[in-house]
């Protein structure tokens, strides 16, 4: 499709986003139109979702992301033309690339503490549950209330657990 075929869709999108006066920043990535808006209340989300080329919408803070797909660049150019908006470069959004950190003793210490914490945290659940069983043995046994004798099956079971 050419840009001219998207003019009506562009007018509708601009109207549903609250017109040009509600847009503070407008860009696109590989599959989404990204509108930073002044007032979220002016955005007509349900109407946007009903449009033909719109796959879905997503909010990230004050930014409305309209998921279009592969035709996003043509629709973006059409919106810029219809709305008299200065086009910007496509956002390069590489999600899978790892973030490189600078090496430091503080960072190494923090990473070691995080690793130790990650190893110990699952074990804490076992300790807490075991402590509750021990509490039940102490409260029910002869040491405190004497509800059950020390050789009862329940006390023996709770002690084993």
Protein backbone atom coordinates (compact mmCIF):
# COMPACT_ATOMS: atom_id res chain seq x y z
CA UNK A 1 0.00 0.00 0.00
CA UNK A 2 1.10 3.53 -0.59
CA UNK A 3 1.03 6.30 1.95
CA UNK A 4 -2.09 7.82 0.37
CA UNK A 5 -4.09 4.71 1.25
CA UNK A 6 -3.38 5.33 4.94
CA UNK A 7 -4.61 8.94 5.04
CA UNK A 8 -8.05 8.10 6.44
CA UNK A 9 -6.55 5.74 9.05
CA UNK A 10 -4.06 8.47 9.98
CA UNK A 11 -6.83 11.04 10.47
CA UNK A 12 -8.76 8.61 12.66
CA UNK A 13 -5.69 7.75 14.75
CA UNK A 14 -4.88 11.42 15.27
CA UNK A 15 -8.47 12.13 16.31
CA UNK A 16 -8.59 9.18 18.71
CA UNK A 17 -5.27 10.16 20.31
CA UNK A 18 -6.62 13.61 21.08
CA UNK A 19 -5.37 15.42 17.97
CA UNK A 20 -1.96 16.98 17.42
CA UNK A 21 -2.33 19.29 20.42
CA UNK A 22 -2.34 16.28 22.79
CA UNK A 23 0.88 14.77 21.35
CA UNK A 24 4.18 15.77 22.96
CA UNK A 25 6.34 13.24 21.09
CA UNK A 26 5.66 10.84 18.24
CA UNK A 27 7.96 8.08 16.97
CA UNK A 28 7.86 4.47 15.84
CA UNK A 29 9.86 1.28 16.25
CA UNK A 30 9.67 -1.92 14.18
CA UNK A 31 6.02 -2.71 14.96
CA UNK A 32 4.57 0.13 17.06
CA UNK A 33 3.55 3.75 16.83
CA UNK A 34 4.62 5.56 20.01
CA UNK A 35 2.64 8.58 21.15
CA UNK A 36 3.64 10.52 24.26
CA UNK A 37 0.46 12.33 25.26
CA UNK A 38 -0.32 15.24 27.58
CA UNK A 39 -3.72 13.95 28.73
CA UNK A 40 -4.53 10.23 28.79
CA UNK A 41 -8.21 11.09 29.23
CA UNK A 42 -8.42 12.39 25.67
CA UNK A 43 -7.28 9.06 24.20
CA UNK A 44 -10.14 6.88 22.95
CA UNK A 45 -8.64 3.43 23.49
CA UNK A 46 -11.66 1.38 22.44
CA UNK A 47 -12.01 3.30 19.18
CA UNK A 48 -8.30 2.81 18.42
CA UNK A 49 -8.60 -0.96 19.03
CA UNK A 50 -11.44 -1.17 16.49
CA UNK A 51 -9.39 0.32 13.63
CA UNK A 52 -8.51 -2.00 10.75
CA UNK A 53 -4.69 -2.10 10.92
CA UNK A 54 -4.42 -1.89 14.73
CA UNK A 55 -3.41 -5.16 16.41
CA UNK A 56 -3.54 -3.76 19.96
CA UNK A 57 -2.48 -0.97 22.28
CA UNK A 58 -0.21 -0.79 25.31
CA UNK A 59 0.56 1.99 27.81
CA UNK A 60 4.06 2.54 29.13
CA UNK A 61 3.86 5.48 31.52
CA UNK A 62 2.52 8.41 29.53
CA UNK A 63 3.39 6.73 26.23
CA UNK A 64 0.66 5.08 24.18
CA UNK A 65 2.05 2.31 22.00
CA UNK A 66 -0.21 1.28 19.14
CA UNK A 67 0.79 -2.11 17.78
CA UNK A 68 0.53 -2.12 13.99
CA UNK A 69 2.95 -4.65 12.58
CA UNK A 70 5.04 -4.44 9.44
CA UNK A 71 3.13 -1.55 7.87
CA UNK A 72 4.05 0.75 10.77
CA UNK A 73 6.56 2.82 8.81
CA UNK A 74 4.08 3.67 6.03
CA UNK A 75 1.37 4.54 8.55
CA UNK A 76 3.87 6.61 10.54
CA UNK A 77 4.82 8.64 7.45
CA UNK A 78 1.16 9.10 6.61
CA UNK A 79 0.37 10.38 10.12
CA UNK A 80 3.30 12.80 9.91
CA UNK A 81 2.01 14.07 6.56
CA UNK A 82 -1.66 14.36 7.60
CA UNK A 83 -0.91 15.83 11.02
CA UNK A 84 1.93 18.08 9.87
CA UNK A 85 4.30 16.42 12.36
CA UNK A 86 8.06 16.43 11.92
CA UNK A 87 9.17 12.77 11.41
CA UNK A 88 11.90 11.28 13.59
CA UNK A 89 14.19 8.31 13.11
CA UNK A 90 12.91 4.81 13.83
CA UNK A 91 13.65 3.67 17.39
CA UNK A 92 16.11 0.78 17.37
CA UNK A 93 14.68 -1.51 20.01
CA UNK A 94 16.97 -4.49 20.60
CA UNK A 95 15.55 -6.29 23.61
CA UNK A 96 17.82 -9.35 23.69
CA UNK A 97 21.16 -7.55 23.83
CA UNK A 98 22.72 -7.81 27.32
CA UNK A 99 23.64 -4.66 29.18
CA UNK A 100 27.37 -4.40 29.79
CA UNK A 101 28.30 -3.30 33.30
CA UNK A 102 31.52 -1.67 34.40
CA UNK A 103 33.64 -3.82 36.67
CA UNK A 104 34.06 -2.62 40.27
CA UNK A 105 34.60 -4.12 43.72
CA UNK A 106 31.25 -2.76 44.86
CA UNK A 107 29.50 -4.37 41.87
CA UNK A 108 31.30 -7.66 42.51
CA UNK A 109 30.28 -7.57 46.18
CA UNK A 110 26.66 -6.81 45.24
CA UNK A 111 26.64 -9.68 42.73
CA UNK A 112 28.02 -12.09 45.36
CA UNK A 113 25.38 -11.04 47.90
CA UNK A 114 22.66 -11.41 45.25
CA UNK A 115 23.88 -14.94 44.41
CA UNK A 116 23.99 -15.99 48.08
CA UNK A 117 20.54 -14.54 48.68
CA UNK A 118 19.16 -16.35 45.64
CA UNK A 119 20.52 -19.65 47.01
CA UNK A 120 19.23 -19.17 50.55
CA UNK A 121 15.77 -17.75 49.86
CA UNK A 122 14.14 -21.05 48.77
CA UNK A 123 15.48 -22.79 51.91
CA UNK A 124 13.88 -20.19 54.19
CA UNK A 125 10.41 -21.56 53.40
CA UNK A 126 11.45 -24.98 54.67
CA UNK A 127 12.85 -23.48 57.88
CA UNK A 128 9.69 -21.46 58.54
CA UNK A 129 7.39 -24.43 58.01
CA UNK A 130 9.64 -26.63 60.17
CA UNK A 131 9.54 -23.97 62.89
CA UNK A 132 5.74 -23.95 62.81
CA UNK A 133 5.66 -27.72 63.26
CA UNK A 134 8.08 -27.45 66.19
CA UNK A 135 5.88 -24.73 67.70
CA UNK A 136 2.88 -27.07 67.45
CA UNK A 137 4.86 -29.83 69.24
CA UNK A 138 5.86 -27.47 72.04
CA UNK A 139 2.35 -26.06 72.51
CA UNK A 140 0.50 -29.38 72.29
CA UNK A 141 3.06 -31.46 74.23
CA UNK A 142 3.62 -31.77 77.94
CA UNK A 143 6.15 -28.91 77.98
CA UNK A 144 3.43 -26.23 77.72
CA UNK A 145 -0.27 -27.09 77.77
CA UNK A 146 -0.06 -30.86 78.04
CA UNK A 147 -2.93 -31.47 75.60
CA UNK A 148 -1.23 -34.56 74.15
CA UNK A 149 1.21 -36.98 75.80
CA UNK A 150 4.79 -36.96 74.50
CA UNK A 151 4.46 -40.46 73.06
CA UNK A 152 1.26 -39.76 71.06
CA UNK A 153 1.33 -40.47 67.35
CA UNK A 154 0.64 -36.82 66.40
CA UNK A 155 3.51 -35.49 68.53
CA UNK A 156 5.88 -38.10 67.11
CA UNK A 157 4.78 -37.25 63.54
CA UNK A 158 5.15 -33.49 64.06
CA UNK A 159 8.57 -34.02 65.64
CA UNK A 160 9.73 -36.08 62.66
CA UNK A 161 8.46 -33.50 60.21
